[in-house]
């Protein structure tokens, strides 16, 4: 059976995995952890808090997965990527930059599934912070050599010119949010649901241009796991498709508990949280990788000759 037609399910993997991680996977994030290769029937997926994973959470709750998946939660991109590099997980939801960095450094990975996330710019608690221009000279939280840094540079622009600001290295997203609450940061780009959590507490939130919030994340697999766990992948994709169909045909009131319980958010945030339109899983488009790749080359993160050959375009088959 060709998984190509079921890639929709993979997207939900991204969304649900994150959700599941909070509720039922916390035991996997610490202590002993079996290698991803130890059981060919179980997919082990590394996740971070983001709405990318909602379809996966729905699939898990509704029993749409015929075979089990195991989710491992991470609080920083470095931890997540290290787990993938060492084979502790089979796959993880990451941005396109992260996938290209892994491949450029010799990790054999493939990016067969595009995910759907959401990011917004959050301003700190100081009363004078109301617009993008108010961030001039401000303290901006980010993590270096990540999509957040890329998005920050492209978002903090006024009249075609960069807005000067002080960079503050903050890798962990929850800490970034706490520093915004306390006034230690003047701004930071946060993924959902963190941006909505900030808005619910009275912080100003600014939407970003669409090219900085869509078509930028996907599910990256170890190439070895793609070969060894085809049956589990098939099961996952089928379950994802069912979850997307459910989300598209049932009102939020019927599955709001998944948002609240699995993302660890309040009923108020769960009710107003903006969500992407989850669609059938699709492969990332190479043209969406190119602007990010150009920025990476300009920063010296990859060699000038690096190209993401073989990273996208994989067709999973049974």
Protein backbone atom coordinates (compact mmCIF):
# COMPACT_ATOMS: atom_id res chain seq x y z
CA UNK A 1 0.00 0.00 0.00
CA UNK A 2 1.45 3.35 -0.94
CA UNK A 3 1.87 5.70 1.97
CA UNK A 4 2.23 8.54 -0.45
CA UNK A 5 -1.54 8.81 -0.57
CA UNK A 6 -1.66 8.77 3.20
CA UNK A 7 0.87 11.45 3.96
CA UNK A 8 -1.94 13.40 5.49
CA UNK A 9 -1.72 11.16 8.48
CA UNK A 10 1.84 12.06 8.92
CA UNK A 11 1.02 15.65 9.44
CA UNK A 12 -1.18 14.75 12.27
CA UNK A 13 1.65 12.83 13.67
CA UNK A 14 3.34 16.11 14.08
CA UNK A 15 0.39 17.67 15.78
CA UNK A 16 -0.61 14.80 17.96
CA UNK A 17 2.78 13.77 19.03
CA UNK A 18 3.31 17.02 20.76
CA UNK A 19 -0.01 16.79 22.46
CA UNK A 20 0.48 13.25 23.60
CA UNK A 21 3.84 13.94 24.97
CA UNK A 22 2.48 15.96 27.83
CA UNK A 23 0.00 13.41 29.04
CA UNK A 24 1.25 9.94 28.41
CA UNK A 25 4.84 10.22 27.38
CA UNK A 26 6.43 12.02 30.25
CA UNK A 27 7.87 8.75 31.43
CA UNK A 28 9.79 8.45 28.20
CA UNK A 29 11.54 11.77 28.46
CA UNK A 30 13.68 10.75 31.38
CA UNK A 31 15.28 7.65 32.79
CA UNK A 32 16.03 4.68 30.63
CA UNK A 33 15.13 4.84 26.99
CA UNK A 34 15.28 2.00 24.54
CA UNK A 35 16.96 2.57 21.23
CA UNK A 36 14.64 3.36 18.34
CA UNK A 37 15.75 0.23 16.54
CA UNK A 38 14.76 -2.15 19.36
CA UNK A 39 11.18 -2.84 18.24
CA UNK A 40 10.22 -2.73 14.58
CA UNK A 41 6.51 -2.45 15.45
CA UNK A 42 6.84 0.73 17.52
CA UNK A 43 7.62 4.18 16.17
CA UNK A 44 9.48 6.35 18.67
CA UNK A 45 8.99 10.03 17.96
CA UNK A 46 10.67 13.01 19.58
CA UNK A 47 8.41 16.01 20.10
CA UNK A 48 8.35 19.54 21.48
CA UNK A 49 5.25 21.52 22.53
CA UNK A 50 3.52 22.75 19.38
CA UNK A 51 0.19 22.52 17.59
CA UNK A 52 1.92 20.50 14.86
CA UNK A 53 1.00 17.44 16.88
CA UNK A 54 -2.74 17.81 17.37
CA UNK A 55 -3.79 15.19 14.80
CA UNK A 56 -1.50 12.67 16.46
CA UNK A 57 -3.08 13.31 19.83
CA UNK A 58 -6.54 12.86 18.32
CA UNK A 59 -5.47 9.63 16.67
CA UNK A 60 -4.09 8.33 19.95
CA UNK A 61 -7.17 9.25 21.94
CA UNK A 62 -9.58 7.78 19.40
CA UNK A 63 -7.60 4.59 18.88
CA UNK A 64 -6.87 5.29 15.22
CA UNK A 65 -3.36 3.84 15.40
CA UNK A 66 -3.41 0.11 14.76
CA UNK A 67 0.16 -0.15 16.06
CA UNK A 68 1.63 1.76 19.01
CA UNK A 69 3.77 4.86 18.84
CA UNK A 70 5.93 6.14 21.66
CA UNK A 71 6.45 9.88 22.13
CA UNK A 72 9.46 11.38 23.86
CA UNK A 73 9.26 14.99 24.97
CA UNK A 74 12.10 17.49 24.63
CA UNK A 75 12.30 21.10 25.75
CA UNK A 76 15.06 22.28 23.42
CA UNK A 77 15.96 21.65 19.77
CA UNK A 78 19.49 20.57 20.76
CA UNK A 79 18.18 17.76 22.97
CA UNK A 80 15.71 16.66 20.32
CA UNK A 81 18.27 16.58 17.52
CA UNK A 82 20.83 14.78 19.69
CA UNK A 83 18.30 12.02 20.35
CA UNK A 84 17.74 11.60 16.62
CA UNK A 85 21.47 11.57 15.87
CA UNK A 86 22.10 8.85 18.45
CA UNK A 87 19.15 6.74 17.33
CA UNK A 88 17.20 7.17 20.59
CA UNK A 89 14.18 8.12 18.47
CA UNK A 90 13.11 7.17 14.95
CA UNK A 91 11.79 10.57 14.00
CA UNK A 92 11.05 14.02 15.29
CA UNK A 93 9.08 17.06 14.28
CA UNK A 94 11.55 19.73 13.34
CA UNK A 95 11.82 22.75 11.12
CA UNK A 96 13.37 22.55 7.69
CA UNK A 97 16.55 24.19 8.94
CA UNK A 98 17.02 21.52 11.56
CA UNK A 99 16.54 18.78 8.98
CA UNK A 100 19.12 20.31 6.64
CA UNK A 101 21.61 20.79 9.47
CA UNK A 102 21.29 17.13 10.41
CA UNK A 103 21.82 15.99 6.85
CA UNK A 104 24.71 18.37 6.23
CA UNK A 105 26.49 16.98 9.29
CA UNK A 106 26.28 13.42 8.05
CA UNK A 107 23.14 12.06 9.73
CA UNK A 108 21.20 10.02 7.18
CA UNK A 109 17.71 11.45 7.38
CA UNK A 110 14.70 11.94 5.15
CA UNK A 111 11.92 14.52 5.35
CA UNK A 112 8.89 12.84 3.79
CA UNK A 113 6.11 14.63 5.67
CA UNK A 114 5.26 18.32 5.93
CA UNK A 115 3.77 19.43 9.24
CA UNK A 116 1.64 22.41 10.11
CA UNK A 117 2.71 24.62 12.97
CA UNK A 118 2.13 28.18 14.08
CA UNK A 119 4.40 30.90 15.46
CA UNK A 120 3.72 34.43 16.69
CA UNK A 121 5.79 37.30 18.04
CA UNK A 122 5.12 37.99 21.73
CA UNK A 123 5.99 41.33 23.37
CA UNK A 124 7.12 41.59 26.98
CA UNK A 125 5.17 43.02 29.91
CA UNK A 126 6.52 46.58 29.78
CA UNK A 127 3.62 48.97 29.10
CA UNK A 128 5.50 50.80 26.34
CA UNK A 129 5.70 47.63 24.22
CA UNK A 130 2.79 47.72 21.79
CA UNK A 131 4.13 47.55 18.25
CA UNK A 132 6.99 46.06 16.29
CA UNK A 133 8.78 49.43 16.29
CA UNK A 134 8.82 49.40 20.10
CA UNK A 135 11.32 46.53 19.99
CA UNK A 136 14.07 48.80 18.66
CA UNK A 137 17.05 48.30 20.97
CA UNK A 138 15.10 45.75 23.00
CA UNK A 139 16.12 42.39 24.41
CA UNK A 140 14.92 39.62 22.09
CA UNK A 141 14.97 35.98 23.15
CA UNK A 142 15.98 33.35 20.62
CA UNK A 143 18.07 30.24 20.10
CA UNK A 144 21.00 30.55 17.71
CA UNK A 145 21.21 28.68 14.42
CA UNK A 146 17.53 27.74 14.49
CA UNK A 147 14.43 28.66 12.55
CA UNK A 148 13.50 31.02 15.39
CA UNK A 149 16.65 33.04 14.74
CA UNK A 150 15.89 33.03 11.00
CA UNK A 151 12.30 34.14 11.62
CA UNK A 152 13.38 36.79 14.12
CA UNK A 153 15.77 38.39 11.65
CA UNK A 154 13.10 38.41 8.94
CA UNK A 155 10.32 39.62 11.24
CA UNK A 156 12.12 42.50 12.96
CA UNK A 157 12.19 44.71 9.92
CA UNK A 158 10.67 48.18 9.48
CA UNK A 159 10.58 50.05 6.20
CA UNK A 160 12.77 47.41 4.63
CA UNK A 161 15.49 47.94 7.23
CA UNK A 162 16.41 45.66 10.14
CA UNK A 163 15.36 46.83 13.60
CA UNK A 164 18.41 46.79 15.90
CA UNK A 165 18.00 44.66 19.00
CA UNK A 166 19.98 42.83 21.68
CA UNK A 167 20.09 39.07 21.22
CA UNK A 168 19.45 37.00 24.33
CA UNK A 169 20.18 33.29 24.02
CA UNK A 170 17.30 31.30 25.53
CA UNK A 171 17.03 27.76 24.21
CA UNK A 172 14.08 26.48 26.20
CA UNK A 173 10.72 27.80 25.08
CA UNK A 174 9.03 27.71 28.53
CA UNK A 175 11.88 29.80 29.94
CA UNK A 176 11.52 32.25 27.05
CA UNK A 177 7.86 32.69 27.97
CA UNK A 178 8.66 33.17 31.65
CA UNK A 179 11.23 35.85 30.81
CA UNK A 180 8.60 37.69 28.77
CA UNK A 181 6.22 37.52 31.72
CA UNK A 182 8.83 38.89 34.11
CA UNK A 183 10.00 41.68 31.83
CA UNK A 184 13.48 40.20 31.32
CA UNK A 185 12.76 39.99 27.59
CA UNK A 186 11.10 42.60 25.40
CA UNK A 187 10.11 40.16 22.67
CA UNK A 188 10.42 36.63 21.37
CA UNK A 189 8.88 34.43 18.70
CA UNK A 190 7.02 31.53 20.31
CA UNK A 191 5.23 28.54 18.82
CA UNK A 192 1.63 27.80 19.70
CA UNK A 193 0.29 27.14 22.27
CA UNK A 194 2.85 29.31 24.09
CA UNK A 195 1.94 32.47 22.18
CA UNK A 196 -1.73 32.05 23.09
CA UNK A 197 -0.80 31.35 26.70
CA UNK A 198 1.02 34.68 26.72
CA UNK A 199 -1.94 36.47 25.14
CA UNK A 200 -4.29 35.01 27.77
CA UNK A 201 -2.09 36.62 30.43
CA UNK A 202 -2.33 40.03 28.81
CA UNK A 203 0.87 40.12 26.76
CA UNK A 204 0.70 41.66 23.30
CA UNK A 205 0.95 39.15 20.43
CA UNK A 206 1.74 40.05 16.82
CA UNK A 207 1.02 37.80 13.83
CA UNK A 208 3.96 37.08 11.54
CA UNK A 209 4.06 37.07 7.73
CA UNK A 210 2.74 33.77 6.37
CA UNK A 211 6.08 32.73 4.87
CA UNK A 212 7.55 32.69 8.38
CA UNK A 213 4.79 30.57 9.90
CA UNK A 214 3.76 28.01 7.27
CA UNK A 215 5.58 25.42 5.16
CA UNK A 216 8.56 25.44 7.51
CA UNK A 217 8.24 22.30 9.64
CA UNK A 218 8.10 18.60 8.96
CA UNK A 219 8.65 15.12 10.31
CA UNK A 220 12.23 13.98 9.81
CA UNK A 221 13.04 10.27 9.94
CA UNK A 222 16.26 8.36 10.26
CA UNK A 223 16.74 6.66 6.92
CA UNK A 224 17.39 3.38 8.73
CA UNK A 225 14.02 3.60 10.50
CA UNK A 226 12.20 4.26 7.24
CA UNK A 227 13.51 0.92 5.98
CA UNK A 228 13.12 -1.04 9.19
CA UNK A 229 9.69 0.17 10.27
CA UNK A 230 7.61 0.43 7.09
CA UNK A 231 4.70 -1.46 8.62
CA UNK A 232 4.59 0.84 11.64
CA UNK A 233 4.82 3.86 9.34
CA UNK A 234 1.89 2.61 7.30
CA UNK A 235 -0.18 2.20 10.43
CA UNK A 236 0.74 5.65 11.62
CA UNK A 237 -0.20 7.35 8.36
CA UNK A 238 -3.56 5.59 8.20
CA UNK A 239 -4.31 6.68 11.74
CA UNK A 240 -3.32 10.22 10.96
CA UNK A 241 -5.71 10.37 8.00
CA UNK A 242 -8.55 9.29 10.22
CA UNK A 243 -7.64 11.94 12.79
CA UNK A 244 -7.60 14.72 10.19
CA UNK A 245 -11.00 13.62 8.91
CA UNK A 246 -12.30 13.70 12.48
CA UNK A 247 -10.93 17.20 13.11
CA UNK A 248 -12.49 18.47 9.89
CA UNK A 249 -15.94 17.06 10.63
CA UNK A 250 -16.34 17.62 14.36
CA UNK A 251 -16.58 20.96 16.21
CA UNK A 252 -13.84 21.99 18.61
CA UNK A 253 -16.19 21.44 21.55
CA UNK A 254 -15.97 17.68 20.95
CA UNK A 255 -12.18 17.50 21.13
CA UNK A 256 -11.24 20.55 23.18
CA UNK A 257 -10.26 18.23 26.03
CA UNK A 258 -7.33 16.98 23.92
CA UNK A 259 -6.04 20.53 23.60
CA UNK A 260 -6.52 21.27 27.26
CA UNK A 261 -5.21 18.04 28.76
CA UNK A 262 -2.46 17.09 26.37
CA UNK A 263 -1.03 20.58 25.76
CA UNK A 264 -1.40 21.51 29.40
CA UNK A 265 -3.39 24.68 28.68
CA UNK A 266 -6.37 26.28 30.39
CA UNK A 267 -9.94 26.03 29.07
CA UNK A 268 -9.72 29.71 28.06
CA UNK A 269 -6.60 29.15 25.95
CA UNK A 270 -7.97 25.90 24.49
CA UNK A 271 -11.12 27.70 23.36
CA UNK A 272 -9.33 30.57 21.61
CA UNK A 273 -6.10 28.90 20.47
CA UNK A 274 -5.67 29.56 16.71
CA UNK A 275 -5.02 26.33 14.86
CA UNK A 276 -3.72 25.64 11.37
CA UNK A 277 -5.97 23.94 8.87
CA UNK A 278 -4.91 20.33 9.04
CA UNK A 279 -4.89 18.70 5.64
CA UNK A 280 -3.90 15.43 4.13
CA UNK A 281 -0.25 14.80 4.68
CA UNK A 282 1.96 16.08 1.91
CA UNK A 283 5.65 16.07 1.18
CA UNK A 284 7.62 19.26 1.77
CA UNK A 285 8.26 21.33 -1.34
CA UNK A 286 11.88 21.88 -2.24
CA UNK A 287 11.17 25.54 -3.03
CA UNK A 288 10.17 26.10 0.60
CA UNK A 289 13.60 24.98 1.74
CA UNK A 290 15.56 27.33 -0.52
CA UNK A 291 15.17 30.69 1.32
CA UNK A 292 16.16 28.99 4.57
CA UNK A 293 19.10 27.27 2.88
CA UNK A 294 20.35 30.58 1.46
CA UNK A 295 20.28 32.10 4.96
CA UNK A 296 22.12 29.11 6.37
CA UNK A 297 24.86 29.42 3.76
CA UNK A 298 25.15 33.14 4.45
CA UNK A 299 25.69 32.39 8.13
CA UNK A 300 28.21 29.65 7.43
CA UNK A 301 26.00 26.97 9.00
CA UNK A 302 26.48 24.71 5.97
CA UNK A 303 29.12 24.69 3.26
CA UNK A 304 28.47 26.74 0.11
CA UNK A 305 28.31 23.50 -1.87
CA UNK A 306 25.72 21.78 0.33
CA UNK A 307 22.41 20.88 -1.30
CA UNK A 308 19.59 18.92 0.41
CA UNK A 309 19.75 16.13 -2.16
CA UNK A 310 17.51 13.23 -1.24
CA UNK A 311 16.07 14.97 1.82
CA UNK A 312 12.60 15.41 0.33
CA UNK A 313 10.77 13.49 -2.36
CA UNK A 314 10.70 10.13 -0.57
CA UNK A 315 7.66 7.97 -1.31
CA UNK A 316 6.98 5.55 1.52
CA UNK A 317 5.82 2.24 0.14
CA UNK A 318 4.78 -1.04 1.62
